[in-house]
Protein backbone atom coordinates (compact mmCIF):
# COMPACT_ATOMS: atom_id res chain seq x y z
CA MET A 1 62.12 16.10 14.92
CA PRO A 2 63.62 14.80 11.98
CA GLU A 3 67.05 15.90 10.73
CA SER A 4 65.88 17.46 8.01
CA ASP A 5 62.73 18.63 6.01
CA ILE A 6 60.21 15.97 4.89
CA THR A 7 58.13 16.99 1.91
CA VAL A 8 54.71 14.83 1.70
CA THR A 9 52.70 14.64 -1.37
CA VAL A 10 48.85 14.20 -1.23
CA SER A 11 46.65 13.58 -4.15
CA PHE A 12 42.96 12.29 -3.69
CA GLU A 13 40.18 11.99 -6.47
CA ARG A 14 36.77 13.72 -5.36
CA ILE A 15 34.48 10.49 -5.38
CA GLN A 16 31.41 10.63 -8.08
CA PHE A 17 28.39 8.99 -7.66
CA THR A 18 25.63 8.27 -10.33
CA VAL A 19 22.23 10.23 -9.92
CA GLU A 20 19.08 8.53 -12.12
CA PHE A 21 15.59 9.71 -12.69
CA VAL A 22 13.56 7.20 -13.97
CA VAL A 23 9.78 7.73 -15.94
CA ASN A 24 7.89 4.82 -16.84
CA GLY A 25 10.42 2.65 -16.74
CA GLU A 26 12.75 5.12 -18.97
CA VAL A 27 15.68 6.29 -17.54
CA ILE A 28 15.37 10.19 -18.82
CA SER A 29 18.63 11.04 -16.83
CA SER A 30 21.55 9.97 -15.89
CA GLU A 31 24.48 12.31 -13.99
CA LYS A 32 27.50 12.12 -12.08
CA TYR A 33 27.70 13.79 -9.09
CA TYR A 34 30.24 14.47 -6.22
CA LEU A 35 29.26 13.71 -2.30
CA GLY A 36 26.90 16.62 -1.11
CA ASP A 37 25.90 17.92 -4.31
CA ILE A 38 22.17 18.44 -4.92
CA PRO A 39 21.10 16.64 -8.21
CA THR A 40 19.23 18.31 -10.86
CA VAL A 41 15.58 17.57 -11.07
CA PRO A 42 14.76 16.99 -14.65
CA ASP A 43 11.44 17.97 -16.10
CA VAL A 44 8.77 15.38 -16.40
CA PRO A 45 5.17 15.66 -17.82
CA ALA A 46 2.88 16.86 -15.66
CA GLU A 47 0.32 14.65 -16.43
CA TYR A 48 -0.57 12.62 -19.71
CA GLU A 49 -3.30 10.23 -21.10
CA GLU A 50 -2.80 6.72 -21.83
CA ASN A 51 -5.24 3.58 -22.54
CA GLY A 52 -8.20 5.26 -21.09
CA TYR A 53 -6.47 6.72 -17.88
CA ARG A 54 -4.94 10.20 -17.16
CA TYR A 55 -1.92 9.85 -15.21
CA VAL A 56 -1.06 12.94 -12.97
CA PHE A 57 2.74 13.42 -11.78
CA ALA A 58 2.84 12.79 -7.89
CA GLY A 59 6.19 13.51 -6.93
CA TRP A 60 9.45 10.98 -6.73
CA SER A 61 9.76 7.69 -5.27
CA SER A 62 11.84 9.63 -2.49
CA THR A 63 12.73 13.27 -1.26
CA VAL A 64 15.36 14.06 -3.78
CA ALA A 65 18.57 14.88 -1.15
CA ALA A 66 22.59 16.20 -1.50
CA VAL A 67 24.37 12.74 -2.77
CA THR A 68 25.79 10.19 -0.65
CA HIS A 69 25.73 7.38 -2.54
CA ASP A 70 24.44 6.32 -6.13
CA THR A 71 20.30 6.23 -6.20
CA VAL A 72 17.76 5.84 -8.38
CA TYR A 73 14.49 8.27 -8.15
CA TYR A 74 11.44 6.91 -9.70
CA ALA A 75 8.73 8.95 -10.75
CA LYS A 76 5.03 8.45 -9.24
CA TYR A 77 1.86 9.07 -10.84
CA ASN A 78 -1.60 8.66 -10.03
CA SER A 79 -4.45 7.35 -12.19
CA PHE A 80 -7.81 8.14 -12.67
CA LEU A 81 -10.37 6.71 -15.27
CA ILE A 82 -11.26 8.80 -18.03
CA ASP A 83 -14.80 9.62 -18.97
CA MET A 84 -15.46 7.32 -22.28
CA GLU A 85 -17.76 9.69 -23.88
CA SER A 86 -15.14 12.74 -23.46
CA SER A 87 -12.42 10.71 -24.34
CA GLY A 88 -13.95 8.76 -27.19
CA GLN A 89 -11.67 5.57 -26.18
CA GLN A 90 -13.04 2.37 -25.31
CA THR A 91 -12.10 1.82 -21.25
CA GLY A 92 -13.37 -0.60 -18.73
CA ASP A 93 -16.48 0.61 -17.09
CA GLU A 94 -16.08 -0.10 -13.37
CA LEU A 95 -19.80 0.26 -12.67
CA GLY A 96 -20.75 -2.36 -15.77
CA ALA A 97 -18.01 -4.52 -14.42
CA PHE A 98 -19.67 -4.40 -11.12
CA ILE A 99 -23.09 -5.45 -12.27
CA LYS A 100 -21.75 -8.12 -14.43
CA PHE A 101 -19.47 -9.97 -12.17
CA THR A 102 -21.20 -9.37 -8.72
CA VAL A 103 -24.88 -8.38 -8.90
CA ILE A 104 -26.00 -10.67 -11.63
CA PRO A 105 -24.53 -14.06 -10.65
CA ILE A 106 -25.69 -13.09 -6.74
CA ALA A 107 -29.03 -12.24 -8.53
CA ALA A 108 -29.07 -15.64 -10.23
CA ILE A 109 -27.75 -17.12 -7.53
CA VAL A 110 -31.15 -15.93 -5.24
CA ILE A 111 -33.51 -17.27 -7.86
CA ILE A 112 -32.26 -20.48 -8.40
CA VAL A 113 -32.36 -20.93 -4.37
CA ALA A 114 -36.13 -19.66 -4.22
CA ALA A 115 -37.15 -22.06 -7.36
CA LEU A 116 -35.37 -25.06 -5.82
CA THR A 117 -37.10 -23.92 -2.02
CA VAL A 118 -40.66 -23.95 -4.15
CA LEU A 119 -39.97 -27.30 -5.70
CA LEU A 120 -39.19 -28.96 -2.24
CA ILE A 121 -42.15 -27.70 -0.82
CA VAL A 122 -44.43 -28.76 -3.58
CA TYR A 123 -42.47 -32.34 -3.35
CA LEU A 124 -42.80 -32.62 0.27
CA ARG A 125 -46.32 -31.62 0.20
CA LYS A 126 -47.38 -34.50 -2.16
CA LYS A 127 -45.45 -36.79 0.06
CA GLY A 128 -47.55 -35.82 3.14
CA LYS A 129 -44.85 -34.54 4.78
CA ILE A 130 -45.72 -30.90 5.31
CA LYS A 131 -49.44 -30.02 5.50
CA LYS A 132 -51.24 -27.15 4.12
CA LYS A 133 -52.66 -24.98 6.96
CA PRO A 134 -56.15 -23.88 6.38
CA ASN A 135 -56.89 -20.17 5.92
CA LYS A 136 -58.11 -19.08 9.38
CA LYS A 137 -61.19 -16.58 9.02
CA VAL A 138 -60.93 -13.76 11.42
CA LYS A 139 -64.23 -12.83 13.37
CA SER A 140 -64.86 -9.17 13.06
CA THR A 141 -65.22 -7.66 16.47
CA LYS A 142 -67.09 -4.68 14.99
CA LYS A 143 -71.08 -4.43 15.46
């Protein structure tokens, strides 16, 4: 033991961390919290409409938990195409796009291939490479 009393003074500062909440790329809340604090979750729109779509809030990018470090939470939204007639907005028609960019080109290719096949058969018949088969009459077995 020391011959005299020793006075020890300890000072400390609690560590603070920044927690941000982001909706559509915009920071809507940025607060400082101490280690172990539970951040206050801000109110966000439950749903909104934009450019012919309805967006419905689906939660945050990760579970909001006790603070252990600087953290950013991003709002996640599910999107749904709005019926064009009810919204009054011009939006991309998925069925129309499918028909325009898939069905019509495939139909055009089938027609072109069929036409080329007919032309090839006519050409080969004229050159004598393919002979037309005579029609065979089927004899009736009925008496």
